[in-house]
Amino acid sequence: MVWINLNKFLKRFEGFKPPKEYVQSSAAEIVADCLDININYKNITCRGGVLYIRDNNPLIKNQIFCGKEKLLSEFKKKMGSRAPQEIRFGWF
């Protein structure tokens, strides 16, 4: 009987994502919504307030660079204090 109640309680936390995965998936969603560019969330990481995107396509890099201010403001709206302050490209 106790296990049934505990199981119901733990079901509430099933959909929670770890903080790193939350930032990665949120960043991928925001880029897709704002610029219509699909980037795999595994190619995104955030360290020290800097969002790093790993992509070799110069067209995608240029579009993200041109929409940088729009992206950063959307990050601020959606993620609040966890929002990155800068976007960079490179290997991580």
C-alpha atoms as a PDB file:
ATOM      1  CA  MET A   1       0.000   0.000   0.000  1.00  0.00           C
ATOM      2  CA  VAL A   2       2.810   2.404   0.835  1.00  0.00           C
ATOM      3  CA  TRP A   3       4.579   1.554  -2.447  1.00  0.00           C
ATOM      4  CA  ILE A   4       1.512   2.490  -4.469  1.00  0.00           C
ATOM      5  CA  ASN A   5       1.398   5.944  -2.864  1.00  0.00           C
ATOM      6  CA  LEU A   6       5.136   6.373  -3.314  1.00  0.00           C
ATOM      7  CA  ASN A   7       4.842   5.384  -6.965  1.00  0.00           C
ATOM      8  CA  LYS A   8       2.157   8.001  -7.549  1.00  0.00           C
ATOM      9  CA  PHE A   9       4.319  10.615  -5.845  1.00  0.00           C
ATOM     10  CA  LEU A  10       7.403   9.783  -7.915  1.00  0.00           C
ATOM     11  CA  LYS A  11       5.403   9.899 -11.179  1.00  0.00           C
ATOM     12  CA  ARG A  12       5.238  13.680 -10.719  1.00  0.00           C
ATOM     13  CA  PHE A  13       8.988  13.991 -11.237  1.00  0.00           C
ATOM     14  CA  GLU A  14       9.230  11.713 -14.269  1.00  0.00           C
ATOM     15  CA  GLY A  15       9.239  14.520 -16.835  1.00  0.00           C
ATOM     16  CA  PHE A  16      11.910  16.649 -15.191  1.00  0.00           C
ATOM     17  CA  LYS A  17      15.090  17.166 -17.167  1.00  0.00           C
ATOM     18  CA  PRO A  18      18.559  17.653 -15.726  1.00  0.00           C
ATOM     19  CA  PRO A  19      19.687  21.314 -15.810  1.00  0.00           C
ATOM     20  CA  LYS A  20      22.219  20.792 -18.612  1.00  0.00           C
ATOM     21  CA  GLU A  21      19.716  19.010 -20.840  1.00  0.00           C
ATOM     22  CA  TYR A  22      17.092  21.669 -20.084  1.00  0.00           C
ATOM     23  CA  VAL A  23      19.401  24.437 -21.299  1.00  0.00           C
ATOM     24  CA  GLN A  24      20.405  22.471 -24.402  1.00  0.00           C
ATOM     25  CA  SER A  25      16.850  21.573 -25.425  1.00  0.00           C
ATOM     26  CA  SER A  26      15.555  25.075 -24.656  1.00  0.00           C
ATOM     27  CA  ALA A  27      18.301  26.612 -26.780  1.00  0.00           C
ATOM     28  CA  ALA A  28      17.537  24.286 -29.689  1.00  0.00           C
ATOM     29  CA  GLU A  29      13.820  25.139 -29.445  1.00  0.00           C
ATOM     30  CA  ILE A  30      14.447  28.888 -29.339  1.00  0.00           C
ATOM     31  CA  VAL A  31      16.762  28.755 -32.373  1.00  0.00           C
ATOM     32  CA  ALA A  32      14.166  26.694 -34.243  1.00  0.00           C
ATOM     33  CA  ASP A  33      11.328  29.074 -33.325  1.00  0.00           C
ATOM     34  CA  CYS A  34      13.149  32.340 -34.040  1.00  0.00           C
ATOM     35  CA  LEU A  35      15.228  31.476 -37.092  1.00  0.00           C
ATOM     36  CA  ASP A  36      13.679  28.255 -38.476  1.00  0.00           C
ATOM     37  CA  ILE A  37      16.988  26.435 -38.077  1.00  0.00           C
ATOM     38  CA  ASN A  38      16.981  22.921 -36.677  1.00  0.00           C
ATOM     39  CA  ILE A  39      20.022  22.149 -34.558  1.00  0.00           C
ATOM     40  CA  ASN A  40      20.454  18.942 -32.607  1.00  0.00           C
ATOM     41  CA  TYR A  41      20.486  19.736 -28.896  1.00  0.00           C
ATOM     42  CA  LYS A  42      23.566  17.532 -28.490  1.00  0.00           C
ATOM     43  CA  ASN A  43      25.521  20.089 -30.552  1.00  0.00           C
ATOM     44  CA  ILE A  44      24.800  22.829 -28.018  1.00  0.00           C
ATOM     45  CA  THR A  45      26.376  23.459 -24.643  1.00  0.00           C
ATOM     46  CA  CYS A  46      26.348  26.356 -22.218  1.00  0.00           C
ATOM     47  CA  ARG A  47      29.270  27.169 -19.947  1.00  0.00           C
ATOM     48  CA  GLY A  48      29.924  30.350 -18.022  1.00  0.00           C
ATOM     49  CA  GLY A  49      27.061  32.270 -19.589  1.00  0.00           C
ATOM     50  CA  VAL A  50      28.255  31.475 -23.120  1.00  0.00           C
ATOM     51  CA  LEU A  51      26.235  29.298 -25.485  1.00  0.00           C
ATOM     52  CA  TYR A  52      28.494  27.208 -27.713  1.00  0.00           C
ATOM     53  CA  ILE A  53      27.070  25.802 -30.942  1.00  0.00           C
ATOM     54  CA  ARG A  54      28.969  23.159 -32.873  1.00  0.00           C
ATOM     55  CA  ASP A  55      28.137  23.339 -36.571  1.00  0.00           C
ATOM     56  CA  ASN A  56      30.326  23.439 -39.665  1.00  0.00           C
ATOM     57  CA  ASN A  57      27.721  24.916 -41.990  1.00  0.00           C
ATOM     58  CA  PRO A  58      28.658  28.563 -42.729  1.00  0.00           C
ATOM     59  CA  LEU A  59      25.086  29.395 -43.765  1.00  0.00           C
ATOM     60  CA  ILE A  60      23.735  28.376 -40.356  1.00  0.00           C
ATOM     61  CA  LYS A  61      26.526  30.255 -38.578  1.00  0.00           C
ATOM     62  CA  ASN A  62      25.749  33.400 -40.572  1.00  0.00           C
ATOM     63  CA  GLN A  63      21.994  33.211 -39.891  1.00  0.00           C
ATOM     64  CA  ILE A  64      22.566  32.722 -36.169  1.00  0.00           C
ATOM     65  CA  PHE A  65      25.080  35.562 -36.089  1.00  0.00           C
ATOM     66  CA  CYS A  66      22.628  37.900 -37.868  1.00  0.00           C
ATOM     67  CA  GLY A  67      19.798  36.978 -35.470  1.00  0.00           C
ATOM     68  CA  LYS A  68      21.998  37.007 -32.378  1.00  0.00           C
ATOM     69  CA  GLU A  69      20.273  39.887 -30.575  1.00  0.00           C
ATOM     70  CA  LYS A  70      16.832  38.408 -31.189  1.00  0.00           C
ATOM     71  CA  LEU A  71      17.989  35.027 -29.899  1.00  0.00           C
ATOM     72  CA  LEU A  72      19.570  36.475 -26.769  1.00  0.00           C
ATOM     73  CA  SER A  73      16.396  38.402 -25.913  1.00  0.00           C
ATOM     74  CA  GLU A  74      14.310  35.244 -26.395  1.00  0.00           C
ATOM     75  CA  PHE A  75      16.702  33.308 -24.169  1.00  0.00           C
ATOM     76  CA  LYS A  76      16.288  35.979 -21.498  1.00  0.00           C
ATOM     77  CA  LYS A  77      12.479  35.775 -21.705  1.00  0.00           C
ATOM     78  CA  LYS A  78      12.271  31.989 -21.576  1.00  0.00           C
ATOM     79  CA  MET A  79      15.189  30.999 -19.352  1.00  0.00           C
ATOM     80  CA  GLY A  80      15.507  33.984 -17.031  1.00  0.00           C
ATOM     81  CA  SER A  81      18.692  33.903 -14.960  1.00  0.00           C
ATOM     82  CA  ARG A  82      19.991  30.790 -16.780  1.00  0.00           C
ATOM     83  CA  ALA A  83      20.006  32.600 -20.110  1.00  0.00           C
ATOM     84  CA  PRO A  84      23.334  32.820 -21.928  1.00  0.00           C
ATOM     85  CA  GLN A  85      24.845  36.259 -22.459  1.00  0.00           C
ATOM     86  CA  GLU A  86      26.874  35.371 -25.566  1.00  0.00           C
ATOM     87  CA  ILE A  87      26.700  32.952 -28.513  1.00  0.00           C
ATOM     88  CA  ARG A  88      29.852  31.416 -29.956  1.00  0.00           C
ATOM     89  CA  PHE A  89      30.727  28.692 -32.411  1.00  0.00           C
ATOM     90  CA  GLY A  90      33.334  26.067 -31.874  1.00  0.00           C
ATOM     91  CA  TRP A  91      34.242  22.657 -30.578  1.00  0.00           C
ATOM     92  CA  PHE A  92      33.606  21.656 -27.019  1.00  0.00           C
END
